[in-house]
Amino acid sequence: MKTVQMFGMIAELFKTDRLACDLPADATVETLRRHLAALKPQLSDMQYAVALDHEIADDTAPIDSAADIAVLPPFAGG
């Protein structure tokens, strides 16, 4: 079981800032994205980033050893 931190509009969508996710041992960021979209289909059309241990990760990154998983909404600014 992995705890995923949610921020901004994604936390509002889930009505929580932390979500426990039961993911397979070989899960990747893409696996997490599919899991979250199954819970909230609106995410399928939303651009958002996933950070593993405070680093933005691509969809092929394994999450098995990540101590910190965060889902970050789109943001603007400079």
N, C-alpha and C. Protein backbone atom coordinates (compact mmCIF):
# COMPACT_ATOMS: atom_id res chain seq x y z
N MET A 1 0.85 -1.18 0.00
CA MET A 1 0.00 0.00 0.00
C MET A 1 0.90 1.24 0.00
N LYS A 2 0.65 2.13 -0.93
CA LYS A 2 1.42 3.36 -1.04
C LYS A 2 0.51 4.54 -0.72
N THR A 3 1.04 5.53 -0.02
CA THR A 3 0.30 6.76 0.24
C THR A 3 0.72 7.80 -0.79
N VAL A 4 -0.28 8.36 -1.45
CA VAL A 4 -0.05 9.35 -2.50
C VAL A 4 -0.55 10.70 -1.99
N GLN A 5 0.31 11.70 -2.03
CA GLN A 5 -0.08 13.05 -1.63
C GLN A 5 -0.72 13.75 -2.82
N MET A 6 -1.81 14.44 -2.56
CA MET A 6 -2.53 15.17 -3.60
C MET A 6 -2.45 16.66 -3.31
N PHE A 7 -2.39 17.47 -4.35
CA PHE A 7 -2.30 18.92 -4.18
C PHE A 7 -3.29 19.62 -5.10
N GLY A 8 -3.66 20.84 -4.70
CA GLY A 8 -4.49 21.72 -5.53
C GLY A 8 -5.80 21.12 -5.97
N MET A 9 -6.13 21.32 -7.25
CA MET A 9 -7.42 20.88 -7.77
C MET A 9 -7.58 19.37 -7.74
N ILE A 10 -6.47 18.64 -7.71
CA ILE A 10 -6.56 17.18 -7.64
C ILE A 10 -6.98 16.76 -6.23
N ALA A 11 -6.43 17.41 -5.21
CA ALA A 11 -6.86 17.14 -3.83
C ALA A 11 -8.34 17.50 -3.67
N GLU A 12 -8.76 18.59 -4.30
CA GLU A 12 -10.17 18.98 -4.24
C GLU A 12 -11.06 17.94 -4.92
N LEU A 13 -10.61 17.41 -6.03
CA LEU A 13 -11.36 16.39 -6.75
C LEU A 13 -11.55 15.14 -5.90
N PHE A 14 -10.49 14.72 -5.22
CA PHE A 14 -10.55 13.53 -4.37
C PHE A 14 -11.08 13.82 -2.97
N LYS A 15 -11.23 15.11 -2.65
CA LYS A 15 -11.69 15.53 -1.32
C LYS A 15 -10.78 15.03 -0.20
N THR A 16 -9.49 14.95 -0.50
CA THR A 16 -8.48 14.57 0.48
C THR A 16 -7.11 14.98 -0.04
N ASP A 17 -6.16 15.12 0.86
CA ASP A 17 -4.80 15.43 0.42
C ASP A 17 -3.89 14.21 0.46
N ARG A 18 -4.42 13.08 0.89
CA ARG A 18 -3.66 11.82 0.91
C ARG A 18 -4.59 10.68 0.54
N LEU A 19 -4.08 9.77 -0.27
CA LEU A 19 -4.86 8.64 -0.72
C LEU A 19 -4.00 7.38 -0.63
N ALA A 20 -4.52 6.35 0.00
CA ALA A 20 -3.82 5.07 0.06
C ALA A 20 -4.16 4.28 -1.20
N CYS A 21 -3.13 3.85 -1.91
CA CYS A 21 -3.31 3.12 -3.17
C CYS A 21 -2.68 1.74 -3.07
N ASP A 22 -3.44 0.73 -3.42
CA ASP A 22 -2.95 -0.63 -3.45
C ASP A 22 -2.48 -0.91 -4.88
N LEU A 23 -1.18 -0.86 -5.08
CA LEU A 23 -0.59 -1.01 -6.40
C LEU A 23 0.29 -2.26 -6.44
N PRO A 24 0.44 -2.86 -7.62
CA PRO A 24 1.32 -4.03 -7.73
C PRO A 24 2.78 -3.66 -7.48
N ALA A 25 3.58 -4.65 -7.15
CA ALA A 25 4.98 -4.41 -6.82
C ALA A 25 5.76 -3.81 -7.99
N ASP A 26 5.35 -4.11 -9.22
CA ASP A 26 6.06 -3.60 -10.39
C ASP A 26 5.41 -2.34 -10.97
N ALA A 27 4.65 -1.63 -10.17
CA ALA A 27 3.91 -0.45 -10.64
C ALA A 27 4.85 0.65 -11.11
N THR A 28 4.38 1.35 -12.14
CA THR A 28 5.08 2.52 -12.66
C THR A 28 4.18 3.74 -12.46
N VAL A 29 4.67 4.90 -12.84
CA VAL A 29 3.84 6.10 -12.78
C VAL A 29 2.60 5.92 -13.64
N GLU A 30 2.74 5.28 -14.80
CA GLU A 30 1.58 5.03 -15.66
C GLU A 30 0.55 4.14 -14.95
N THR A 31 0.99 3.15 -14.20
CA THR A 31 0.09 2.31 -13.41
C THR A 31 -0.69 3.16 -12.42
N LEU A 32 0.01 4.06 -11.75
CA LEU A 32 -0.65 4.97 -10.80
C LEU A 32 -1.66 5.85 -11.51
N ARG A 33 -1.29 6.40 -12.66
CA ARG A 33 -2.22 7.24 -13.42
C ARG A 33 -3.50 6.48 -13.78
N ARG A 34 -3.35 5.24 -14.24
CA ARG A 34 -4.53 4.43 -14.58
C ARG A 34 -5.38 4.15 -13.34
N HIS A 35 -4.73 3.88 -12.23
CA HIS A 35 -5.44 3.62 -10.97
C HIS A 35 -6.25 4.86 -10.55
N LEU A 36 -5.62 6.01 -10.60
CA LEU A 36 -6.31 7.25 -10.21
C LEU A 36 -7.44 7.59 -11.17
N ALA A 37 -7.23 7.37 -12.47
CA ALA A 37 -8.28 7.64 -13.46
C ALA A 37 -9.46 6.69 -13.30
N ALA A 38 -9.21 5.49 -12.83
CA ALA A 38 -10.32 4.56 -12.56
C ALA A 38 -11.18 5.07 -11.41
N LEU A 39 -10.55 5.74 -10.45
CA LEU A 39 -11.29 6.31 -9.32
C LEU A 39 -11.98 7.62 -9.69
N LYS A 40 -11.32 8.43 -10.49
CA LYS A 40 -11.83 9.74 -10.91
C LYS A 40 -11.59 9.91 -12.41
N PRO A 41 -12.53 9.51 -13.25
CA PRO A 41 -12.33 9.56 -14.70
C PRO A 41 -11.96 10.94 -15.24
N GLN A 42 -12.30 12.00 -14.52
CA GLN A 42 -11.94 13.36 -14.95
C GLN A 42 -10.43 13.52 -15.14
N LEU A 43 -9.64 12.73 -14.41
CA LEU A 43 -8.19 12.83 -14.52
C LEU A 43 -7.67 12.42 -15.89
N SER A 44 -8.43 11.62 -16.61
CA SER A 44 -7.99 11.17 -17.94
C SER A 44 -7.75 12.33 -18.88
N ASP A 45 -8.50 13.41 -18.71
CA ASP A 45 -8.39 14.58 -19.58
C ASP A 45 -7.53 15.69 -18.99
N MET A 46 -6.97 15.46 -17.82
CA MET A 46 -6.23 16.50 -17.11
C MET A 46 -4.72 16.27 -17.23
N GLN A 47 -4.00 17.36 -17.46
CA GLN A 47 -2.53 17.30 -17.45
C GLN A 47 -2.08 17.48 -16.00
N TYR A 48 -1.28 16.55 -15.50
CA TYR A 48 -0.73 16.69 -14.16
C TYR A 48 0.59 15.93 -14.08
N ALA A 49 1.38 16.29 -13.11
CA ALA A 49 2.69 15.67 -12.93
C ALA A 49 2.66 14.73 -11.72
N VAL A 50 3.53 13.75 -11.76
CA VAL A 50 3.73 12.86 -10.62
C VAL A 50 5.20 13.00 -10.20
N ALA A 51 5.40 13.25 -8.93
CA ALA A 51 6.76 13.36 -8.39
C ALA A 51 7.03 12.16 -7.49
N LEU A 52 8.22 11.60 -7.66
CA LEU A 52 8.69 10.51 -6.80
C LEU A 52 9.89 11.02 -6.03
N ASP A 53 9.78 10.99 -4.73
CA ASP A 53 10.87 11.50 -3.87
C ASP A 53 11.32 12.88 -4.30
N HIS A 54 10.35 13.77 -4.52
CA HIS A 54 10.55 15.19 -4.81
C HIS A 54 11.15 15.48 -6.19
N GLU A 55 11.07 14.51 -7.11
CA GLU A 55 11.55 14.69 -8.48
C GLU A 55 10.41 14.34 -9.44
N ILE A 56 10.14 15.21 -10.41
CA ILE A 56 9.12 14.91 -11.41
C ILE A 56 9.56 13.66 -12.17
N ALA A 57 8.64 12.71 -12.31
CA ALA A 57 8.96 11.42 -12.94
C ALA A 57 8.18 11.24 -14.23
N ASP A 58 8.76 10.50 -15.16
CA ASP A 58 8.02 10.18 -16.38
C ASP A 58 7.18 8.92 -16.14
N ASP A 59 6.33 8.61 -17.10
CA ASP A 59 5.37 7.52 -16.92
C ASP A 59 6.00 6.14 -16.78
N THR A 60 7.24 5.97 -17.21
CA THR A 60 7.88 4.66 -17.13
C THR A 60 8.63 4.44 -15.81
N ALA A 61 8.71 5.47 -14.98
CA ALA A 61 9.47 5.37 -13.73
C ALA A 61 8.79 4.39 -12.76
N PRO A 62 9.57 3.47 -12.20
CA PRO A 62 9.01 2.55 -11.20
C PRO A 62 8.77 3.29 -9.88
N ILE A 63 7.69 2.93 -9.21
CA ILE A 63 7.39 3.62 -7.95
C ILE A 63 7.60 2.73 -6.74
N ASP A 64 8.07 1.51 -6.94
CA ASP A 64 8.19 0.57 -5.84
C ASP A 64 9.04 1.05 -4.68
N SER A 65 10.14 1.72 -4.96
CA SER A 65 11.01 2.15 -3.87
C SER A 65 10.80 3.60 -3.45
N ALA A 66 9.89 4.30 -4.10
CA ALA A 66 9.67 5.71 -3.77
C ALA A 66 9.08 5.85 -2.37
N ALA A 67 9.71 6.67 -1.56
CA ALA A 67 9.21 6.92 -0.22
C ALA A 67 8.12 7.99 -0.23
N ASP A 68 8.19 8.89 -1.22
CA ASP A 68 7.27 10.01 -1.28
C ASP A 68 6.70 10.09 -2.70
N ILE A 69 5.38 10.00 -2.80
CA ILE A 69 4.69 10.07 -4.10
C ILE A 69 3.72 11.24 -4.03
N ALA A 70 3.81 12.13 -5.01
CA ALA A 70 2.93 13.31 -5.02
C ALA A 70 2.33 13.49 -6.41
N VAL A 71 1.06 13.87 -6.43
CA VAL A 71 0.36 14.18 -7.67
C VAL A 71 0.15 15.69 -7.68
N LEU A 72 0.73 16.33 -8.70
CA LEU A 72 0.78 17.78 -8.76
C LEU A 72 -0.06 18.30 -9.92
N PRO A 73 -0.98 19.20 -9.64
CA PRO A 73 -1.82 19.75 -10.70
C PRO A 73 -1.01 20.67 -11.61
N PRO A 74 -1.58 21.02 -12.75
CA PRO A 74 -0.90 21.99 -13.59
C PRO A 74 -0.79 23.32 -12.85
N PHE A 75 0.29 24.03 -13.08
CA PHE A 75 0.46 25.33 -12.45
C PHE A 75 1.10 26.28 -13.45
N ALA A 76 0.86 27.54 -13.24
CA ALA A 76 1.41 28.57 -14.11
C ALA A 76 2.33 29.46 -13.28
N GLY A 77 3.14 30.20 -13.95
CA GLY A 77 4.01 31.13 -13.25
C GLY A 77 5.42 31.03 -13.77
N GLY A 78 6.29 31.75 -13.14
CA GLY A 78 7.66 31.74 -13.63
C GLY A 78 8.66 31.77 -12.53
